[in-house]
Amino acid sequence: MTRSFDQLSRLGAGVLLILLVCGALGYTGLFGEASAIVGPPLQAPSGAHLFGTDNLGRSILARTTAGIQQSVLLASGAVLIAILIGTALGMLAGYFRGLVDEVIARLADALFSFPAIVFAIPISALFRPGSASAIAAVALVTLPAVIRTVRAETLVISHRDYVVQARVAGAGPIYALAMHIAPNISGALIVQTAYSVSFGMIIESGISFLGLGVQPPGASLGSLIFEGRPYLPLAPWLVLIPGAVLALTILSINLIGDGLKDYFSGSRS
């Protein structure tokens, strides 16, 4: 029996779609240039400047929409890298077991043992601060969860009758992994991808907040919060607006992940 997405998941999808559209429109310059000075510094939100201006007189609306685009793209790109690598390693570990499984599983455990942000900071510090460092950090931090998820699913599926029959019929490991394992782990992988993107956004924002991610004059949601922090008593919108957008984006992605989890769980029942 299959289950449809619940109302919260649909709401999350709708909110995320609106945020992504705003980010895309910001890329076209509809809300102005993120680095352009458009008014007096620290101007409160008004009809002229919907989200107000920052300490240099730049539009917070333009910078927030640019931050949505940057944060989502960085997190998604990093998670895609982690998904590709983690899927390959997880399937190899779950299918071959033995020494291969032991090495890959222990590697994932070692990476997983470090607190995410503590692990991400030295990775970013080793390289030149910027988008590439943030992508590398997010990819490595989200990799262990992907390996664990794929490995667990592969261990279960590799013992099913159709996989055993394919082996008996002479199918090689590549054929079995590509034709039998990969299609049947896709549901769990999609769910893990959603959660990894939301987690990746948290890590990317944390890195940018610490000054190791996106560099000025670029903007991510984390760097906008960092830039507005010294002016919090005078201009709280500098922190509250990008912070609220970041929280709303992460919440929306998690609601979608919950809906996908229920959907694929229902499909299996």
C-alpha atoms as a PDB file:
ATOM      1  CA  MET A   1       0.000   0.000   0.000  1.00  0.00           C
ATOM      2  CA  THR A   2       1.469   3.348  -0.993  1.00  0.00           C
ATOM      3  CA  ARG A   3       1.090   6.558   0.939  1.00  0.00           C
ATOM      4  CA  SER A   4       0.845  10.079  -0.402  1.00  0.00           C
ATOM      5  CA  PHE A   5       2.731  13.030   0.999  1.00  0.00           C
ATOM      6  CA  ASP A   6       1.142  14.557   4.098  1.00  0.00           C
ATOM      7  CA  GLN A   7       0.158  18.188   4.427  1.00  0.00           C
ATOM      8  CA  LEU A   8       3.337  19.230   6.226  1.00  0.00           C
ATOM      9  CA  SER A   9       5.509  17.755   3.484  1.00  0.00           C
ATOM     10  CA  ARG A  10       3.488  19.541   0.831  1.00  0.00           C
ATOM     11  CA  LEU A  11       3.775  22.766   2.790  1.00  0.00           C
ATOM     12  CA  GLY A  12       7.528  22.274   3.051  1.00  0.00           C
ATOM     13  CA  ALA A  13       7.766  21.674  -0.687  1.00  0.00           C
ATOM     14  CA  GLY A  14       5.749  24.806  -1.408  1.00  0.00           C
ATOM     15  CA  VAL A  15       7.820  26.993   0.905  1.00  0.00           C
ATOM     16  CA  LEU A  16      11.068  25.608  -0.491  1.00  0.00           C
ATOM     17  CA  LEU A  17       9.869  26.223  -4.034  1.00  0.00           C
ATOM     18  CA  ILE A  18       9.094  29.858  -3.184  1.00  0.00           C
ATOM     19  CA  LEU A  19      12.527  30.317  -1.594  1.00  0.00           C
ATOM     20  CA  LEU A  20      14.286  28.748  -4.571  1.00  0.00           C
ATOM     21  CA  VAL A  21      12.332  30.905  -6.993  1.00  0.00           C
ATOM     22  CA  CYS A  22      13.324  33.988  -4.990  1.00  0.00           C
ATOM     23  CA  GLY A  23      16.938  32.858  -5.111  1.00  0.00           C
ATOM     24  CA  ALA A  24      16.723  32.313  -8.868  1.00  0.00           C
ATOM     25  CA  LEU A  25      15.079  35.704  -9.413  1.00  0.00           C
ATOM     26  CA  GLY A  26      17.794  37.273  -7.288  1.00  0.00           C
ATOM     27  CA  TYR A  27      20.345  35.799  -9.671  1.00  0.00           C
ATOM     28  CA  THR A  28      18.666  37.664 -12.537  1.00  0.00           C
ATOM     29  CA  GLY A  29      19.053  40.951 -10.669  1.00  0.00           C
ATOM     30  CA  LEU A  30      15.315  41.447 -10.106  1.00  0.00           C
ATOM     31  CA  PHE A  31      15.946  42.476  -6.492  1.00  0.00           C
ATOM     32  CA  GLY A  32      19.053  44.485  -7.318  1.00  0.00           C
ATOM     33  CA  GLU A  33      22.759  43.757  -7.112  1.00  0.00           C
ATOM     34  CA  ALA A  34      23.855  42.149  -3.864  1.00  0.00           C
ATOM     35  CA  SER A  35      26.995  44.280  -3.680  1.00  0.00           C
ATOM     36  CA  ALA A  36      25.463  47.587  -4.819  1.00  0.00           C
ATOM     37  CA  ILE A  37      24.973  50.446  -2.356  1.00  0.00           C
ATOM     38  CA  VAL A  38      21.334  51.481  -2.616  1.00  0.00           C
ATOM     39  CA  GLY A  39      20.714  53.682   0.407  1.00  0.00           C
ATOM     40  CA  PRO A  40      21.870  54.918   3.795  1.00  0.00           C
ATOM     41  CA  PRO A  41      23.612  52.399   6.058  1.00  0.00           C
ATOM     42  CA  LEU A  42      21.519  50.473   8.601  1.00  0.00           C
ATOM     43  CA  GLN A  43      18.195  51.689   7.267  1.00  0.00           C
ATOM     44  CA  ALA A  44      15.277  49.796   8.811  1.00  0.00           C
ATOM     45  CA  PRO A  45      12.901  47.789   6.602  1.00  0.00           C
ATOM     46  CA  SER A  46      10.556  50.091   4.725  1.00  0.00           C
ATOM     47  CA  GLY A  47       8.654  50.461   1.493  1.00  0.00           C
ATOM     48  CA  ALA A  48      11.794  51.667  -0.269  1.00  0.00           C
ATOM     49  CA  HIS A  49      13.924  48.805   1.059  1.00  0.00           C
ATOM     50  CA  LEU A  50      11.767  45.873   2.061  1.00  0.00           C
ATOM     51  CA  PHE A  51      14.369  44.158   4.249  1.00  0.00           C
ATOM     52  CA  GLY A  52      16.364  47.294   5.065  1.00  0.00           C
ATOM     53  CA  THR A  53      20.042  47.936   4.344  1.00  0.00           C
ATOM     54  CA  ASP A  54      23.270  46.714   5.913  1.00  0.00           C
ATOM     55  CA  ASN A  55      26.188  48.634   7.413  1.00  0.00           C
ATOM     56  CA  LEU A  56      27.367  49.677   3.935  1.00  0.00           C
ATOM     57  CA  GLY A  57      23.946  50.588   2.570  1.00  0.00           C
ATOM     58  CA  ARG A  58      23.482  47.396   0.538  1.00  0.00           C
ATOM     59  CA  SER A  59      20.022  45.886   0.125  1.00  0.00           C
ATOM     60  CA  ILE A  60      19.377  43.041   2.566  1.00  0.00           C
ATOM     61  CA  LEU A  61      16.693  41.707   0.218  1.00  0.00           C
ATOM     62  CA  ALA A  62      19.173  41.408  -2.637  1.00  0.00           C
ATOM     63  CA  ARG A  63      21.834  39.913  -0.387  1.00  0.00           C
ATOM     64  CA  THR A  64      19.427  37.442   1.216  1.00  0.00           C
ATOM     65  CA  THR A  65      18.176  36.145  -2.128  1.00  0.00           C
ATOM     66  CA  ALA A  66      21.799  35.838  -3.266  1.00  0.00           C
ATOM     67  CA  GLY A  67      22.519  34.019  -0.004  1.00  0.00           C
ATOM     68  CA  ILE A  68      19.717  31.517  -0.631  1.00  0.00           C
ATOM     69  CA  GLN A  69      21.153  30.739  -4.030  1.00  0.00           C
ATOM     70  CA  GLN A  70      24.693  30.402  -2.721  1.00  0.00           C
ATOM     71  CA  SER A  71      23.862  28.300   0.341  1.00  0.00           C
ATOM     72  CA  VAL A  72      21.547  25.899  -1.483  1.00  0.00           C
ATOM     73  CA  LEU A  73      23.901  25.476  -4.444  1.00  0.00           C
ATOM     74  CA  LEU A  74      26.957  24.899  -2.276  1.00  0.00           C
ATOM     75  CA  ALA A  75      25.203  22.412  -0.008  1.00  0.00           C
ATOM     76  CA  SER A  76      23.550  20.582  -2.919  1.00  0.00           C
ATOM     77  CA  GLY A  77      26.764  20.384  -4.929  1.00  0.00           C
ATOM     78  CA  ALA A  78      28.728  19.081  -1.948  1.00  0.00           C
ATOM     79  CA  VAL A  79      26.041  16.517  -1.101  1.00  0.00           C
ATOM     80  CA  LEU A  80      25.961  15.331  -4.719  1.00  0.00           C
ATOM     81  CA  ILE A  81      29.685  14.597  -4.471  1.00  0.00           C
ATOM     82  CA  ALA A  82      29.125  12.766  -1.177  1.00  0.00           C
ATOM     83  CA  ILE A  83      26.225  10.787  -2.687  1.00  0.00           C
ATOM     84  CA  LEU A  84      28.290   9.626  -5.661  1.00  0.00           C
ATOM     85  CA  ILE A  85      31.267   8.561  -3.553  1.00  0.00           C
ATOM     86  CA  GLY A  86      29.218   7.247  -0.624  1.00  0.00           C
ATOM     87  CA  THR A  87      26.919   5.183  -2.840  1.00  0.00           C
ATOM     88  CA  ALA A  88      29.844   3.466  -4.528  1.00  0.00           C
ATOM     89  CA  LEU A  89      31.636   2.746  -1.247  1.00  0.00           C
ATOM     90  CA  GLY A  90      28.471   1.690   0.574  1.00  0.00           C
ATOM     91  CA  MET A  91      27.425  -0.761  -2.154  1.00  0.00           C
ATOM     92  CA  LEU A  92      30.905  -2.263  -2.297  1.00  0.00           C
ATOM     93  CA  ALA A  93      30.964  -2.720   1.476  1.00  0.00           C
ATOM     94  CA  GLY A  94      27.495  -4.238   1.669  1.00  0.00           C
ATOM     95  CA  TYR A  95      27.888  -6.504  -1.340  1.00  0.00           C
ATOM     96  CA  PHE A  96      31.395  -7.907  -0.881  1.00  0.00           C
ATOM     97  CA  ARG A  97      31.465  -7.803   2.946  1.00  0.00           C
ATOM     98  CA  GLY A  98      34.593  -9.269   4.525  1.00  0.00           C
ATOM     99  CA  LEU A  99      37.737  -7.146   4.421  1.00  0.00           C
ATOM    100  CA  VAL A 100      36.217  -4.631   1.999  1.00  0.00           C
ATOM    101  CA  ASP A 101      33.298  -4.044   4.341  1.00  0.00           C
ATOM    102  CA  GLU A 102      35.582  -3.802   7.368  1.00  0.00           C
ATOM    103  CA  VAL A 103      37.828  -1.164   5.821  1.00  0.00           C
ATOM    104  CA  ILE A 104      35.008   1.003   4.437  1.00  0.00           C
ATOM    105  CA  ALA A 105      32.837   0.684   7.552  1.00  0.00           C
ATOM    106  CA  ARG A 106      35.723   1.624   9.854  1.00  0.00           C
ATOM    107  CA  LEU A 107      36.526   4.596   7.626  1.00  0.00           C
ATOM    108  CA  ALA A 108      32.928   5.776   7.870  1.00  0.00           C
ATOM    109  CA  ASP A 109      32.957   5.260  11.645  1.00  0.00           C
ATOM    110  CA  ALA A 110      36.157   7.274  11.972  1.00  0.00           C
ATOM    111  CA  LEU A 111      34.716  10.163   9.977  1.00  0.00           C
ATOM    112  CA  PHE A 112      31.429   9.939  11.856  1.00  0.00           C
ATOM    113  CA  SER A 113      33.132  10.069  15.260  1.00  0.00           C
ATOM    114  CA  PHE A 114      34.116  13.729  14.857  1.00  0.00           C
ATOM    115  CA  PRO A 115      31.535  16.451  15.596  1.00  0.00           C
ATOM    116  CA  ALA A 116      30.528  17.821  12.218  1.00  0.00           C
ATOM    117  CA  ILE A 117      31.460  21.470  12.655  1.00  0.00           C
ATOM    118  CA  VAL A 118      34.693  20.611  14.500  1.00  0.00           C
ATOM    119  CA  PHE A 119      35.631  18.326  11.631  1.00  0.00           C
ATOM    120  CA  ALA A 120      34.669  20.903   9.012  1.00  0.00           C
ATOM    121  CA  ILE A 121      36.709  23.765  10.478  1.00  0.00           C
ATOM    122  CA  PRO A 122      40.202  22.257   9.991  1.00  0.00           C
ATOM    123  CA  ILE A 123      39.239  21.041   6.507  1.00  0.00           C
ATOM    124  CA  SER A 124      38.306  24.567   5.511  1.00  0.00           C
ATOM    125  CA  ALA A 125      41.330  26.029   7.287  1.00  0.00           C
ATOM    126  CA  LEU A 126      43.712  23.739   5.381  1.00  0.00           C
ATOM    127  CA  PHE A 127      42.637  25.262   2.091  1.00  0.00           C
ATOM    128  CA  ARG A 128      42.113  28.819   1.013  1.00  0.00           C
ATOM    129  CA  PRO A 129      38.846  30.082   2.560  1.00  0.00           C
ATOM    130  CA  GLY A 130      36.091  30.189  -0.036  1.00  0.00           C
ATOM    131  CA  SER A 131      33.388  28.202  -1.753  1.00  0.00           C
ATOM    132  CA  ALA A 132      35.694  25.303  -2.662  1.00  0.00           C
ATOM    133  CA  SER A 133      36.677  24.821   0.975  1.00  0.00           C
ATOM    134  CA  ALA A 134      33.039  24.865   2.038  1.00  0.00           C
ATOM    135  CA  ILE A 135      32.124  22.256  -0.592  1.00  0.00           C
ATOM    136  CA  ALA A 136      34.984  19.982   0.460  1.00  0.00           C
ATOM    137  CA  ALA A 137      34.043  20.276   4.132  1.00  0.00           C
ATOM    138  CA  VAL A 138      30.337  19.614   3.572  1.00  0.00           C
ATOM    139  CA  ALA A 139      31.061  16.657   1.272  1.00  0.00           C
ATOM    140  CA  LEU A 140      33.351  14.981   3.810  1.00  0.00           C
ATOM    141  CA  VAL A 141      31.020  15.650   6.734  1.00  0.00           C
ATOM    142  CA  THR A 142      27.950  14.206   4.971  1.00  0.00           C
ATOM    143  CA  LEU A 143      29.825  11.261   3.428  1.00  0.00           C
ATOM    144  CA  PRO A 144      29.732   8.879   6.455  1.00  0.00           C
ATOM    145  CA  ALA A 145      25.929   8.979   6.759  1.00  0.00           C
ATOM    146  CA  VAL A 146      25.577   8.166   3.058  1.00  0.00           C
ATOM    147  CA  ILE A 147      27.995   5.234   3.322  1.00  0.00           C
ATOM    148  CA  ARG A 148      26.157   3.850   6.354  1.00  0.00           C
ATOM    149  CA  THR A 149      22.723   4.166   4.746  1.00  0.00           C
ATOM    150  CA  VAL A 150      23.745   2.569   1.452  1.00  0.00           C
ATOM    151  CA  ARG A 151      25.736  -0.182   3.173  1.00  0.00           C
ATOM    152  CA  ALA A 152      22.799  -1.114   5.421  1.00  0.00           C
ATOM    153  CA  GLU A 153      20.378  -1.249   2.485  1.00  0.00           C
ATOM    154  CA  THR A 154      22.827  -3.242   0.364  1.00  0.00           C
ATOM    155  CA  LEU A 155      23.380  -5.805   3.141  1.00  0.00           C
ATOM    156  CA  VAL A 156      19.634  -6.490   3.216  1.00  0.00           C
ATOM    157  CA  ILE A 157      19.039  -6.526  -0.524  1.00  0.00           C
ATOM    158  CA  SER A 158      22.093  -8.645  -1.382  1.00  0.00           C
ATOM    159  CA  HIS A 159      20.525 -11.595   0.471  1.00  0.00           C
ATOM    160  CA  ARG A 160      17.238 -11.487  -1.411  1.00  0.00           C
ATOM    161  CA  ASP A 161      16.310 -14.310  -3.748  1.00  0.00           C
ATOM    162  CA  TYR A 162      16.598 -12.410  -7.021  1.00  0.00           C
ATOM    163  CA  VAL A 163      20.150 -11.295  -6.197  1.00  0.00           C
ATOM    164  CA  VAL A 164      21.166 -14.820  -5.148  1.00  0.00           C
ATOM    165  CA  GLN A 165      19.611 -16.231  -8.327  1.00  0.00           C
ATOM    166  CA  ALA A 166      21.520 -13.701 -10.428  1.00  0.00           C
ATOM    167  CA  ARG A 167      24.769 -14.816  -8.805  1.00  0.00           C
ATOM    168  CA  VAL A 168      23.950 -18.481  -9.403  1.00  0.00           C
ATOM    169  CA  ALA A 169      23.162 -17.656 -13.029  1.00  0.00           C
ATOM    170  CA  GLY A 170      26.658 -16.226 -13.416  1.00  0.00           C
ATOM    171  CA  ALA A 171      25.994 -12.510 -13.076  1.00  0.00           C
ATOM    172  CA  GLY A 172      29.115 -10.562 -12.127  1.00  0.00           C
ATOM    173  CA  PRO A 173      29.331  -8.056  -9.270  1.00  0.00           C
ATOM    174  CA  ILE A 174      29.018  -5.032 -11.567  1.00  0.00           C
ATOM    175  CA  TYR A 175      25.833  -6.383 -13.131  1.00  0.00           C
ATOM    176  CA  ALA A 176      24.340  -7.299  -9.758  1.00  0.00           C
ATOM    177  CA  LEU A 177      25.173  -3.913  -8.250  1.00  0.00           C
ATOM    178  CA  ALA A 178      23.923  -1.928 -11.242  1.00  0.00           C
ATOM    179  CA  MET A 179      20.787  -3.926 -12.083  1.00  0.00           C
ATOM    180  CA  HIS A 180      19.607  -5.277  -8.730  1.00  0.00           C
ATOM    181  CA  ILE A 181      21.170  -3.361  -5.854  1.00  0.00           C
ATOM    182  CA  ALA A 182      21.194   0.242  -7.125  1.00  0.00           C
ATOM    183  CA  PRO A 183      17.495   0.403  -8.182  1.00  0.00           C
ATOM    184  CA  ASN A 184      16.361  -1.029  -4.851  1.00  0.00           C
ATOM    185  CA  ILE A 185      18.337   1.357  -2.660  1.00  0.00           C
ATOM    186  CA  SER A 186      17.172   4.419  -4.590  1.00  0.00           C
ATOM    187  CA  GLY A 187      14.323   5.201  -2.173  1.00  0.00           C
ATOM    188  CA  ALA A 188      16.549   5.225   0.908  1.00  0.00           C
ATOM    189  CA  LEU A 189      19.163   7.176  -1.023  1.00  0.00           C
ATOM    190  CA  ILE A 190      16.677   9.887  -2.035  1.00  0.00           C
ATOM    191  CA  VAL A 191      15.570  10.292   1.588  1.00  0.00           C
ATOM    192  CA  GLN A 192      19.175  10.456   2.780  1.00  0.00           C
ATOM    193  CA  THR A 193      19.934  13.057   0.104  1.00  0.00           C
ATOM    194  CA  ALA A 194      17.182  15.345   1.404  1.00  0.00           C
ATOM    195  CA  TYR A 195      18.425  15.123   4.976  1.00  0.00           C
ATOM    196  CA  SER A 196      22.036  15.536   3.851  1.00  0.00           C
ATOM    197  CA  VAL A 197      21.230  18.757   1.973  1.00  0.00           C
ATOM    198  CA  SER A 198      19.612  20.288   5.059  1.00  0.00           C
ATOM    199  CA  PHE A 199      22.539  19.159   7.219  1.00  0.00           C
ATOM    200  CA  GLY A 200      24.960  20.424   4.590  1.00  0.00           C
ATOM    201  CA  MET A 201      23.313  23.851   4.705  1.00  0.00           C
ATOM    202  CA  ILE A 202      23.864  23.956   8.458  1.00  0.00           C
ATOM    203  CA  ILE A 203      27.540  23.068   8.037  1.00  0.00           C
ATOM    204  CA  GLU A 204      28.053  25.498   5.147  1.00  0.00           C
ATOM    205  CA  SER A 205      26.400  28.300   7.103  1.00  0.00           C
ATOM    206  CA  GLY A 206      28.531  27.519  10.139  1.00  0.00           C
ATOM    207  CA  ILE A 207      31.717  27.581   8.077  1.00  0.00           C
ATOM    208  CA  SER A 208      30.738  30.838   6.376  1.00  0.00           C
ATOM    209  CA  PHE A 209      29.777  32.314   9.749  1.00  0.00           C
ATOM    210  CA  LEU A 210      33.322  31.581  10.941  1.00  0.00           C
ATOM    211  CA  GLY A 211      34.766  33.285   7.866  1.00  0.00           C
ATOM    212  CA  LEU A 212      36.085  30.109   6.217  1.00  0.00           C
ATOM    213  CA  GLY A 213      33.379  29.755   3.570  1.00  0.00           C
ATOM    214  CA  VAL A 214      31.965  32.275   1.127  1.00  0.00           C
ATOM    215  CA  GLN A 215      34.097  35.413   1.143  1.00  0.00           C
ATOM    216  CA  PRO A 216      33.000  39.073   0.745  1.00  0.00           C
ATOM    217  CA  PRO A 217      31.565  40.588  -1.354  1.00  0.00           C
ATOM    218  CA  GLY A 218      29.813  37.266  -1.953  1.00  0.00           C
ATOM    219  CA  ALA A 219      26.957  36.330   0.328  1.00  0.00           C
ATOM    220  CA  SER A 220      25.667  33.147   1.876  1.00  0.00           C
ATOM    221  CA  LEU A 221      23.101  32.991   4.641  1.00  0.00           C
ATOM    222  CA  GLY A 222      25.800  32.127   7.174  1.00  0.00           C
ATOM    223  CA  SER A 223      28.089  34.977   6.137  1.00  0.00           C
ATOM    224  CA  LEU A 224      25.168  37.432   6.259  1.00  0.00           C
ATOM    225  CA  ILE A 225      24.478  36.440   9.865  1.00  0.00           C
ATOM    226  CA  PHE A 226      28.158  36.939  10.667  1.00  0.00           C
ATOM    227  CA  GLU A 227      28.247  40.358   8.999  1.00  0.00           C
ATOM    228  CA  GLY A 228      25.165  41.496  10.906  1.00  0.00           C
ATOM    229  CA  ARG A 229      26.247  40.212  14.310  1.00  0.00           C
ATOM    230  CA  PRO A 230      28.142  43.363  15.448  1.00  0.00           C
ATOM    231  CA  TYR A 231      25.080  45.492  14.662  1.00  0.00           C
ATOM    232  CA  LEU A 232      22.516  43.282  16.392  1.00  0.00           C
ATOM    233  CA  PRO A 233      21.477  45.862  19.034  1.00  0.00           C
ATOM    234  CA  LEU A 234      21.085  48.625  16.421  1.00  0.00           C
ATOM    235  CA  ALA A 235      19.861  46.689  13.402  1.00  0.00           C
ATOM    236  CA  PRO A 236      18.514  43.255  14.408  1.00  0.00           C
ATOM    237  CA  TRP A 237      17.104  42.662  10.912  1.00  0.00           C
ATOM    238  CA  LEU A 238      20.656  42.093   9.651  1.00  0.00           C
ATOM    239  CA  VAL A 239      20.713  38.830  11.620  1.00  0.00           C
ATOM    240  CA  LEU A 240      17.044  37.952  12.019  1.00  0.00           C
ATOM    241  CA  ILE A 241      16.118  38.021   8.319  1.00  0.00           C
ATOM    242  CA  PRO A 242      18.872  35.740   6.929  1.00  0.00           C
ATOM    243  CA  GLY A 243      18.609  33.599  10.082  1.00  0.00           C
ATOM    244  CA  ALA A 244      14.863  33.146   9.595  1.00  0.00           C
ATOM    245  CA  VAL A 245      15.328  32.344   5.898  1.00  0.00           C
ATOM    246  CA  LEU A 246      18.032  29.787   6.736  1.00  0.00           C
ATOM    247  CA  ALA A 247      15.854  28.138   9.398  1.00  0.00           C
ATOM    248  CA  LEU A 248      12.842  28.107   7.063  1.00  0.00           C
ATOM    249  CA  THR A 249      14.853  26.549   4.243  1.00  0.00           C
ATOM    250  CA  ILE A 250      16.267  23.803   6.464  1.00  0.00           C
ATOM    251  CA  LEU A 251      12.855  23.112   8.012  1.00  0.00           C
ATOM    252  CA  SER A 252      11.260  22.862   4.566  1.00  0.00           C
ATOM    253  CA  ILE A 253      13.876  20.387   3.340  1.00  0.00           C
ATOM    254  CA  ASN A 254      13.468  18.270   6.482  1.00  0.00           C
ATOM    255  CA  LEU A 255       9.688  18.207   6.047  1.00  0.00           C
ATOM    256  CA  ILE A 256      10.198  17.020   2.473  1.00  0.00           C
ATOM    257  CA  GLY A 257      12.603  14.371   3.751  1.00  0.00           C
ATOM    258  CA  ASP A 258      10.014  13.169   6.281  1.00  0.00           C
ATOM    259  CA  GLY A 259       7.399  12.968   3.538  1.00  0.00           C
ATOM    260  CA  LEU A 260       9.739  11.016   1.269  1.00  0.00           C
ATOM    261  CA  LYS A 261      10.578   8.648   4.116  1.00  0.00           C
ATOM    262  CA  ASP A 262       6.894   7.940   4.759  1.00  0.00           C
ATOM    263  CA  TYR A 263       6.245   7.586   1.038  1.00  0.00           C
ATOM    264  CA  PHE A 264       8.940   4.996   0.432  1.00  0.00           C
ATOM    265  CA  SER A 265       8.146   3.181   3.679  1.00  0.00           C
ATOM    266  CA  GLY A 266       4.536   2.938   2.534  1.00  0.00           C
ATOM    267  CA  SER A 267       5.627   1.672  -0.860  1.00  0.00           C
ATOM    268  CA  ARG A 268       7.455  -1.215   0.787  1.00  0.00           C
ATOM    269  CA  SER A 269       4.551  -2.237   3.027  1.00  0.00           C
END
